[in-house]
């Protein structure tokens, strides 16, 4: 059952106080080493409003250089000096403070997927800005168990190159207080595509899991009979991807962190930007394998990782899947029924030529920032009907909201809840909008 009622507060620390705290704790070059908790504790002790928090997390935004493979270095901005950023683990219902410090020279904003808004921020779609050199404390009581994520909240349209080369993303995992653990090993894999040249910001040169191109990092080591929980995240800005592990099947248990009503085993996982998939894989095919993209060119750019069974050796093997067996409808409740809704809004996704000679994507004939508004925060039971009239897939995300899928390609769907939807070309998706906020 989806629970979306945490508390969410934000406190700013003035620059003079921040400087005082830093002088008392550490020099800048040692700041990241304390991300596990000491810095967060020092900051929280200076903020009486947060003394009730049981757990503290420090998150720092700064410039980094990451070696994807020998001789392949990416210079970017990241969280806590790594890509992906530190895994933020929270426990259901346990008050947690996130101490966010911006050590860059430009303003930043972080979007927390799956942490609903409340209080003064409930009706705002834009996340608070963290100015250069500033620190904010985000206080959270997580309530929605599952695989979430966090990322820099900047639009690609304002600076396409910056968005494409940004390393600011990471896993945010909320676990149950009574989680039994029906798996033997947990593996977190974030897909990321890296661009080639400033003048060709859409030309992908590298693709990888986490921070390593295939073959450049350690393999995933398993034993026969293990059940491995894979948490996948597509953290790319524009690129879809399809993943396959020869000789094995993915038992999908959650989409975007939300448990699916009907678990299903598939050969291929298809992921749009921003989507997450939790899947259990039973390790019952000993050998050395490649878990990677079904696209040969994408795999050649680095999107893959080796799976190595104990006591096995040899070159990792790859074989293409027989078919792409992916659809949201596979995970619907077995008895999906049409649900009644209070209001309905239709959105047509179209494309047109803009004044600058480039193609522009529009909703109902308008493009950002002149889209108008939907009655989301003041209504109950809003159903959104999204029609893609273009020949290209698009991806829809509404900040601080979930979509309860109702129909996909004219097929009724029930029980599938997501925060990001792939809207396939020339197709229609209907979904009920669920604001992610604390109920008043």
Protein backbone atom coordinates (compact mmCIF):
# COMPACT_ATOMS: atom_id res chain seq x y z
CA UNK A 1 0.00 0.00 0.00
CA UNK A 2 1.40 3.35 -1.01
CA UNK A 3 1.84 5.73 1.90
CA UNK A 4 2.56 9.34 0.98
CA UNK A 5 2.35 11.33 4.18
CA UNK A 6 5.80 12.41 5.40
CA UNK A 7 6.61 15.79 6.90
CA UNK A 8 8.99 17.95 4.90
CA UNK A 9 10.63 21.10 6.22
CA UNK A 10 13.50 23.22 4.95
CA UNK A 11 15.71 25.42 7.10
CA UNK A 12 18.38 27.78 5.77
CA UNK A 13 21.60 28.52 7.63
CA UNK A 14 22.92 32.06 7.12
CA UNK A 15 26.34 32.38 5.52
CA UNK A 16 28.05 33.77 8.63
CA UNK A 17 26.81 30.87 10.72
CA UNK A 18 27.91 28.45 8.03
CA UNK A 19 31.41 29.94 8.02
CA UNK A 20 31.57 29.63 11.79
CA UNK A 21 30.50 25.99 11.62
CA UNK A 22 33.07 25.19 8.96
CA UNK A 23 35.86 26.78 10.99
CA UNK A 24 34.88 24.61 13.96
CA UNK A 25 34.67 21.37 12.00
CA UNK A 26 37.07 21.06 9.07
CA UNK A 27 38.77 22.55 6.08
CA UNK A 28 36.97 22.37 2.75
CA UNK A 29 39.14 19.60 1.31
CA UNK A 30 38.09 17.30 4.18
CA UNK A 31 34.39 18.18 4.04
CA UNK A 32 33.36 15.25 1.86
CA UNK A 33 35.07 12.72 4.09
CA UNK A 34 32.52 13.49 6.79
CA UNK A 35 29.47 12.81 4.63
CA UNK A 36 28.71 9.71 6.67
CA UNK A 37 27.46 11.78 9.55
CA UNK A 38 29.89 13.91 11.54
CA UNK A 39 29.34 17.09 9.54
CA UNK A 40 25.60 16.60 9.55
CA UNK A 41 25.66 16.17 13.32
CA UNK A 42 27.68 19.35 13.78
CA UNK A 43 25.24 21.35 11.67
CA UNK A 44 22.18 19.85 13.27
CA UNK A 45 23.47 20.68 16.75
CA UNK A 46 23.47 24.33 15.73
CA UNK A 47 19.83 24.11 14.58
CA UNK A 48 17.49 23.59 17.51
CA UNK A 49 14.61 22.96 15.11
CA UNK A 50 16.21 19.67 14.06
CA UNK A 51 17.21 18.14 17.37
CA UNK A 52 14.23 15.79 17.15
CA UNK A 53 15.61 14.09 14.02
CA UNK A 54 16.85 10.59 14.70
CA UNK A 55 19.14 10.29 11.67
CA UNK A 56 21.29 12.76 9.74
CA UNK A 57 22.71 12.74 6.21
CA UNK A 58 25.28 15.15 4.76
CA UNK A 59 25.17 15.94 1.05
CA UNK A 60 27.68 18.22 -0.62
CA UNK A 61 27.57 19.63 -4.18
CA UNK A 62 31.00 20.24 -5.71
CA UNK A 63 33.16 19.77 -8.80
CA UNK A 64 34.69 16.32 -9.38
CA UNK A 65 36.75 14.39 -11.90
CA UNK A 66 35.68 10.77 -12.44
CA UNK A 67 37.62 8.14 -14.37
CA UNK A 68 35.13 6.06 -16.37
CA UNK A 69 37.95 3.90 -17.71
CA UNK A 70 41.75 4.28 -17.99
CA UNK A 71 42.29 7.50 -19.93
CA UNK A 72 38.57 8.42 -19.96
CA UNK A 73 37.94 11.19 -17.43
CA UNK A 74 34.72 13.13 -16.94
CA UNK A 75 34.85 16.53 -15.24
CA UNK A 76 31.47 17.41 -13.83
CA UNK A 77 29.50 18.33 -10.73
CA UNK A 78 28.37 15.61 -8.34
CA UNK A 79 27.20 14.83 -4.81
CA UNK A 80 29.75 13.89 -2.15
CA UNK A 81 32.52 13.59 -4.70
CA UNK A 82 31.17 10.51 -6.48
CA UNK A 83 28.91 9.31 -9.30
CA UNK A 84 26.25 8.33 -8.45
CA UNK A 85 26.11 10.39 -5.25
CA UNK A 86 26.00 8.72 -1.87
CA UNK A 87 23.14 6.24 -1.46
CA UNK A 88 20.68 7.99 0.85
CA UNK A 89 19.06 5.30 2.97
CA UNK A 90 16.09 6.20 5.12
CA UNK A 91 13.79 4.14 7.29
CA UNK A 92 10.03 4.36 7.07
CA UNK A 93 8.69 6.86 9.60
CA UNK A 94 12.11 7.75 11.10
CA UNK A 95 12.74 11.54 11.16
CA UNK A 96 15.80 12.30 9.03
CA UNK A 97 17.62 15.54 8.26
CA UNK A 98 19.53 16.07 5.00
CA UNK A 99 22.23 18.74 5.35
CA UNK A 100 22.75 20.08 1.83
CA UNK A 101 25.78 22.28 1.13
CA UNK A 102 26.53 23.96 -2.19
CA UNK A 103 30.28 24.41 -2.71
CA UNK A 104 29.95 25.45 -6.36
CA UNK A 105 29.88 28.96 -7.77
CA UNK A 106 26.31 28.75 -9.09
CA UNK A 107 22.89 28.33 -7.53
CA UNK A 108 21.63 24.76 -7.30
CA UNK A 109 18.32 23.02 -6.69
CA UNK A 110 17.73 19.38 -5.75
CA UNK A 111 14.61 17.39 -6.56
CA UNK A 112 13.74 14.51 -4.25
CA UNK A 113 11.73 11.89 -6.12
CA UNK A 114 9.26 10.17 -3.80
CA UNK A 115 9.53 12.59 -0.86
CA UNK A 116 6.17 14.40 -0.88
CA UNK A 117 5.82 18.10 -0.12
CA UNK A 118 4.07 19.58 2.90
CA UNK A 119 3.68 22.83 4.75
CA UNK A 120 4.57 26.04 2.88
CA UNK A 121 6.11 24.08 0.00
CA UNK A 122 3.13 21.83 -0.72
CA UNK A 123 1.69 23.92 -3.55
CA UNK A 124 5.02 24.94 -5.11
CA UNK A 125 6.31 22.98 -8.08
CA UNK A 126 9.81 24.47 -7.89
CA UNK A 127 12.31 23.18 -5.36
CA UNK A 128 14.13 25.69 -3.14
CA UNK A 129 17.29 27.26 -4.50
CA UNK A 130 20.59 26.69 -2.68
CA UNK A 131 22.82 29.69 -3.34
CA UNK A 132 26.60 29.32 -3.81
CA UNK A 133 28.28 28.69 -0.46
CA UNK A 134 24.96 28.19 1.31
CA UNK A 135 23.61 25.28 3.34
CA UNK A 136 20.03 24.06 3.75
CA UNK A 137 18.67 21.43 6.10
CA UNK A 138 15.86 19.35 4.70
CA UNK A 139 13.92 17.53 7.39
CA UNK A 140 12.02 14.47 6.24
CA UNK A 141 9.84 11.77 7.75
CA UNK A 142 9.83 9.23 4.90
CA UNK A 143 6.62 7.33 4.43
CA UNK A 144 6.74 5.76 0.96
CA UNK A 145 8.89 2.61 1.00
CA UNK A 146 10.81 1.99 -2.21
CA UNK A 147 13.59 2.97 -4.60
CA UNK A 148 13.52 6.74 -5.06
CA UNK A 149 16.24 9.03 -6.35
CA UNK A 150 17.52 12.58 -6.20
CA UNK A 151 18.95 14.82 -8.89
CA UNK A 152 19.77 18.38 -9.82
CA UNK A 153 16.54 20.11 -10.78
CA UNK A 154 17.62 22.09 -13.83
CA UNK A 155 15.88 22.17 -17.19
CA UNK A 156 17.86 20.99 -20.19
CA UNK A 157 16.32 23.79 -22.26
CA UNK A 158 18.18 26.42 -20.25
CA UNK A 159 21.59 24.85 -20.77
CA UNK A 160 21.56 21.61 -22.75
CA UNK A 161 25.28 20.91 -22.39
CA UNK A 162 25.28 21.45 -18.63
CA UNK A 163 22.29 19.15 -18.24
CA UNK A 164 23.83 16.45 -20.43
CA UNK A 165 27.21 16.54 -18.65
CA UNK A 166 25.78 16.74 -15.13
CA UNK A 167 26.74 14.04 -12.64
CA UNK A 168 24.29 15.20 -9.97
CA UNK A 169 22.11 12.19 -9.25
CA UNK A 170 21.90 9.35 -6.76
CA UNK A 171 19.75 6.64 -5.22
CA UNK A 172 17.40 7.43 -2.34
CA UNK A 173 16.06 4.25 -0.73
CA UNK A 174 13.32 4.12 1.88
CA UNK A 175 13.13 0.77 3.66
CA UNK A 176 10.45 -0.71 5.85
CA UNK A 177 11.01 -0.99 9.59
CA UNK A 178 10.09 -4.67 9.30
CA UNK A 179 11.74 -5.49 5.98
CA UNK A 180 12.34 -9.24 5.92
CA UNK A 181 14.82 -9.27 3.05
CA UNK A 182 13.73 -11.84 0.45
CA UNK A 183 17.07 -11.64 -1.36
CA UNK A 184 20.71 -12.52 -0.73
CA UNK A 185 22.47 -9.58 -2.35
CA UNK A 186 21.54 -6.03 -3.40
CA UNK A 187 23.05 -4.35 -6.47
CA UNK A 188 22.42 -0.70 -7.42
CA UNK A 189 23.00 0.21 -11.07
CA UNK A 190 22.43 3.68 -12.49
CA UNK A 191 22.50 4.12 -16.28
CA UNK A 192 24.18 7.29 -17.48
CA UNK A 193 25.01 8.56 -20.97
CA UNK A 194 27.80 11.08 -21.48
CA UNK A 195 27.94 13.49 -24.38
CA UNK A 196 30.76 13.85 -26.86
CA UNK A 197 31.30 17.47 -27.84
CA UNK A 198 29.75 20.86 -26.96
CA UNK A 199 28.66 21.43 -30.57
CA UNK A 200 26.95 18.00 -30.65
CA UNK A 201 25.22 17.81 -27.29
CA UNK A 202 22.92 15.02 -28.50
CA UNK A 203 25.74 12.76 -29.73
CA UNK A 204 26.42 10.13 -27.07
CA UNK A 205 30.03 9.03 -26.80
CA UNK A 206 29.97 6.95 -23.60
CA UNK A 207 27.32 5.02 -21.70
CA UNK A 208 27.88 3.24 -18.43
CA UNK A 209 26.52 1.77 -15.22
CA UNK A 210 27.37 3.99 -12.26
CA UNK A 211 30.84 5.44 -12.89
CA UNK A 212 32.54 2.75 -14.97
CA UNK A 213 32.46 1.67 -18.60
CA UNK A 214 32.03 -2.05 -19.17
CA UNK A 215 35.17 -3.96 -18.24
CA UNK A 216 36.75 -1.03 -16.38
CA UNK A 217 35.28 -1.82 -12.98
CA UNK A 218 34.84 -4.82 -10.74
CA UNK A 219 32.36 -7.50 -11.86
CA UNK A 220 29.26 -8.39 -9.89
CA UNK A 221 30.20 -11.58 -8.08
CA UNK A 222 27.44 -14.09 -7.34
CA UNK A 223 26.94 -17.68 -6.21
CA UNK A 224 24.67 -20.29 -7.73
CA UNK A 225 21.22 -20.24 -6.14
CA UNK A 226 21.41 -16.65 -4.88
CA UNK A 227 18.50 -14.27 -5.28
CA UNK A 228 19.92 -10.88 -6.24
CA UNK A 229 17.86 -7.69 -5.96
CA UNK A 230 18.83 -5.26 -8.73
CA UNK A 231 17.76 -1.65 -8.29
CA UNK A 232 18.03 0.00 -11.71
CA UNK A 233 17.86 3.74 -12.40
CA UNK A 234 18.00 5.47 -15.77
CA UNK A 235 19.70 8.74 -14.79
CA UNK A 236 20.25 9.88 -18.39
CA UNK A 237 18.74 13.10 -19.64
CA UNK A 238 17.30 11.92 -22.97
CA UNK A 239 18.19 8.31 -23.74
CA UNK A 240 15.98 5.26 -23.33
CA UNK A 241 17.65 1.93 -22.77
CA UNK A 242 16.78 -1.78 -22.79
CA UNK A 243 18.73 -4.17 -20.56
CA UNK A 244 19.23 -7.93 -20.80
CA UNK A 245 21.12 -10.64 -18.89
CA UNK A 246 21.52 -13.76 -21.06
CA UNK A 247 20.48 -17.01 -19.41
CA UNK A 248 18.46 -15.23 -16.70
CA UNK A 249 15.10 -13.52 -16.22
CA UNK A 250 14.15 -10.39 -14.30
CA UNK A 251 11.27 -10.83 -11.86
CA UNK A 252 9.95 -7.25 -11.68
CA UNK A 253 8.68 -6.37 -8.21
CA UNK A 254 8.48 -2.55 -8.32
CA UNK A 255 8.32 0.34 -10.80
CA UNK A 256 9.57 3.78 -9.73
CA UNK A 257 9.83 2.36 -6.22
CA UNK A 258 6.18 1.35 -6.01
CA UNK A 259 5.35 -2.38 -5.70
CA UNK A 260 3.51 -3.75 -8.73
CA UNK A 261 0.23 -5.59 -8.09
CA UNK A 262 1.29 -8.46 -10.35
CA UNK A 263 4.95 -9.49 -10.43
CA UNK A 264 6.11 -10.81 -13.78
CA UNK A 265 9.32 -12.31 -15.15
CA UNK A 266 10.73 -10.70 -18.29
CA UNK A 267 13.82 -11.11 -20.47
CA UNK A 268 14.30 -7.38 -21.09
CA UNK A 269 13.90 -4.27 -18.94
CA UNK A 270 12.94 -1.12 -20.83
CA UNK A 271 13.66 2.17 -19.09
CA UNK A 272 12.89 5.77 -19.99
CA UNK A 273 14.90 8.60 -18.41
CA UNK A 274 14.00 8.94 -14.72
CA UNK A 275 12.43 5.48 -14.41
CA UNK A 276 13.47 2.92 -11.81
CA UNK A 277 12.93 -0.83 -11.86
CA UNK A 278 13.42 -3.22 -8.94
CA UNK A 279 13.89 -6.80 -10.11
CA UNK A 280 14.93 -10.08 -8.50
CA UNK A 281 17.20 -12.37 -10.51
CA UNK A 282 17.71 -15.97 -9.46
CA UNK A 283 21.28 -16.93 -10.19
CA UNK A 284 20.80 -20.37 -11.74
CA UNK A 285 22.97 -20.24 -14.86
CA UNK A 286 26.65 -20.54 -13.81
CA UNK A 287 29.25 -18.85 -15.96
CA UNK A 288 30.45 -15.35 -16.73
CA UNK A 289 27.93 -13.08 -18.43
CA UNK A 290 27.33 -9.54 -19.65
CA UNK A 291 24.45 -7.60 -18.17
CA UNK A 292 24.00 -4.76 -20.61
CA UNK A 293 22.15 -2.90 -23.31
CA UNK A 294 20.44 -4.91 -26.05
CA UNK A 295 21.74 -2.30 -28.50
CA UNK A 296 25.14 -3.38 -29.82
CA UNK A 297 26.32 0.21 -30.37
CA UNK A 298 25.27 1.28 -26.89
CA UNK A 299 27.01 -1.72 -25.36
CA UNK A 300 30.15 -0.85 -27.35
CA UNK A 301 30.02 2.62 -25.79
CA UNK A 302 30.30 0.98 -22.38
CA UNK A 303 26.80 0.19 -21.14
CA UNK A 304 27.33 -3.17 -19.54
CA UNK A 305 28.82 -4.93 -16.53
CA UNK A 306 30.22 -8.42 -16.05
CA UNK A 307 28.41 -11.00 -13.91
CA UNK A 308 30.81 -13.57 -12.51
CA UNK A 309 29.72 -16.75 -10.73
CA UNK A 310 31.98 -18.19 -8.05
CA UNK A 311 34.50 -20.74 -9.40
CA UNK A 312 33.77 -19.72 -12.99
CA UNK A 313 36.14 -18.16 -15.50
CA UNK A 314 36.42 -17.28 -19.16
CA UNK A 315 35.36 -14.38 -21.34
CA UNK A 316 31.95 -12.89 -20.43
CA UNK A 317 29.23 -14.16 -22.78
CA UNK A 318 26.50 -12.20 -24.52
CA UNK A 319 23.49 -13.29 -26.56
CA UNK A 320 20.61 -11.17 -27.77
CA UNK A 321 17.10 -11.67 -26.34
CA UNK A 322 14.51 -13.39 -28.47
CA UNK A 323 12.02 -10.55 -28.12
CA UNK A 324 11.30 -7.30 -26.30
CA UNK A 325 8.60 -8.42 -23.85
CA UNK A 326 8.02 -5.13 -22.03
CA UNK A 327 4.78 -3.26 -21.25
CA UNK A 328 3.32 -1.52 -18.20
CA UNK A 329 0.20 -3.63 -18.70
CA UNK A 330 2.09 -6.82 -17.75
CA UNK A 331 2.19 -5.65 -14.14
CA UNK A 332 -1.44 -4.58 -13.83
CA UNK A 333 -3.86 -6.18 -11.41
CA UNK A 334 -5.33 -9.28 -13.01
CA UNK A 335 -8.84 -7.81 -12.84
CA UNK A 336 -8.34 -4.23 -13.98
CA UNK A 337 -11.62 -2.32 -14.04
CA UNK A 338 -12.50 1.12 -15.29
CA UNK A 339 -12.36 3.59 -12.40
CA UNK A 340 -14.59 6.60 -12.09
CA UNK A 341 -12.92 9.99 -11.84
CA UNK A 342 -14.12 13.44 -10.86
CA UNK A 343 -12.46 15.61 -13.50
CA UNK A 344 -10.69 14.93 -16.76
CA UNK A 345 -8.13 16.91 -18.73
CA UNK A 346 -6.74 16.03 -22.16
CA UNK A 347 -3.22 16.86 -23.24
CA UNK A 348 -2.01 16.57 -26.84
CA UNK A 349 1.71 16.27 -27.37
CA UNK A 350 2.61 17.70 -30.76
CA UNK A 351 5.58 19.16 -32.53
CA UNK A 352 5.94 22.33 -34.56
CA UNK A 353 8.65 24.45 -36.15
CA UNK A 354 9.71 27.33 -33.96
CA UNK A 355 10.84 30.79 -34.91
CA UNK A 356 14.48 29.68 -34.54
CA UNK A 357 14.10 26.94 -37.16
CA UNK A 358 14.25 24.09 -34.65
CA UNK A 359 11.50 21.62 -33.79
CA UNK A 360 9.56 22.41 -30.63
CA UNK A 361 7.45 20.02 -28.58
CA UNK A 362 4.13 21.43 -27.38
CA UNK A 363 1.28 20.46 -25.07
CA UNK A 364 -2.05 21.56 -26.54
CA UNK A 365 -0.23 23.95 -28.86
CA UNK A 366 1.85 25.60 -26.12
CA UNK A 367 5.40 25.13 -24.92
CA UNK A 368 7.17 26.04 -21.69
CA UNK A 369 6.82 28.52 -20.00
CA UNK A 370 3.40 29.32 -21.49
CA UNK A 371 1.71 26.00 -20.77
CA UNK A 372 -0.96 27.22 -18.37
CA UNK A 373 -1.87 25.08 -15.38
CA UNK A 374 -3.78 21.98 -14.36
CA UNK A 375 -6.13 21.94 -11.32
CA UNK A 376 -3.98 19.41 -9.49
CA UNK A 377 -3.60 20.82 -6.00
CA UNK A 378 -7.19 21.98 -5.59
CA UNK A 379 -9.02 18.98 -6.92
CA UNK A 380 -9.62 15.34 -6.22
CA UNK A 381 -9.82 12.60 -8.81
CA UNK A 382 -8.13 14.36 -11.73
CA UNK A 383 -7.61 12.06 -14.70
CA UNK A 384 -5.07 13.10 -17.31
CA UNK A 385 -5.42 11.79 -20.85
CA UNK A 386 -2.12 12.19 -22.69
CA UNK A 387 -2.02 11.68 -26.44
CA UNK A 388 1.29 11.57 -28.31
CA UNK A 389 0.63 12.64 -31.88
CA UNK A 390 4.32 12.55 -32.81
CA UNK A 391 6.52 9.80 -34.19
CA UNK A 392 8.87 9.89 -31.21
CA UNK A 393 8.60 8.53 -27.67
CA UNK A 394 8.38 11.12 -24.89
CA UNK A 395 8.67 10.95 -21.13
CA UNK A 396 6.29 12.68 -18.75
CA UNK A 397 7.06 13.60 -15.16
CA UNK A 398 5.01 15.91 -12.92
CA UNK A 399 7.10 17.09 -9.95
CA UNK A 400 5.81 15.94 -6.55
CA UNK A 401 3.03 13.84 -8.07
CA UNK A 402 2.43 10.18 -8.91
CA UNK A 403 0.43 8.72 -11.78
CA UNK A 404 -1.95 5.82 -11.16
CA UNK A 405 -2.19 4.29 -14.63
CA UNK A 406 -5.75 3.74 -15.84
CA UNK A 407 -5.37 2.87 -19.54
CA UNK A 408 -2.30 2.21 -21.68
CA UNK A 409 -2.84 1.86 -25.44
CA UNK A 410 -6.59 1.30 -24.80
CA UNK A 411 -5.88 -1.52 -22.31
CA UNK A 412 -7.29 -1.00 -18.76
CA UNK A 413 -4.62 -0.95 -16.06
CA UNK A 414 -5.00 -0.99 -12.27
CA UNK A 415 -2.57 -0.81 -9.37
CA UNK A 416 0.47 0.43 -11.30
CA UNK A 417 1.73 3.69 -9.75
CA UNK A 418 4.62 5.64 -11.26
CA UNK A 419 6.16 9.10 -11.11
CA UNK A 420 7.56 8.96 -14.66
CA UNK A 421 5.70 7.64 -17.72
CA UNK A 422 6.90 6.69 -21.17
CA UNK A 423 4.41 8.10 -23.66
CA UNK A 424 5.05 6.05 -26.77
CA UNK A 425 4.70 7.48 -30.25
CA UNK A 426 1.18 7.73 -31.67
CA UNK A 427 -0.29 6.34 -28.46
CA UNK A 428 -2.44 7.33 -25.49
CA UNK A 429 -1.99 6.94 -21.74
CA UNK A 430 -4.65 7.78 -19.17
CA UNK A 431 -3.65 8.22 -15.54
CA UNK A 432 -5.10 9.57 -12.31
CA UNK A 433 -2.88 12.26 -10.79
CA UNK A 434 -1.96 11.77 -7.13
CA UNK A 435 -0.34 14.85 -5.51
CA UNK A 436 2.63 13.76 -3.39
CA UNK A 437 2.05 15.83 -0.29
CA UNK A 438 1.01 15.59 3.32
CA UNK A 439 -2.73 15.71 3.70
CA UNK A 440 -3.95 18.61 5.78
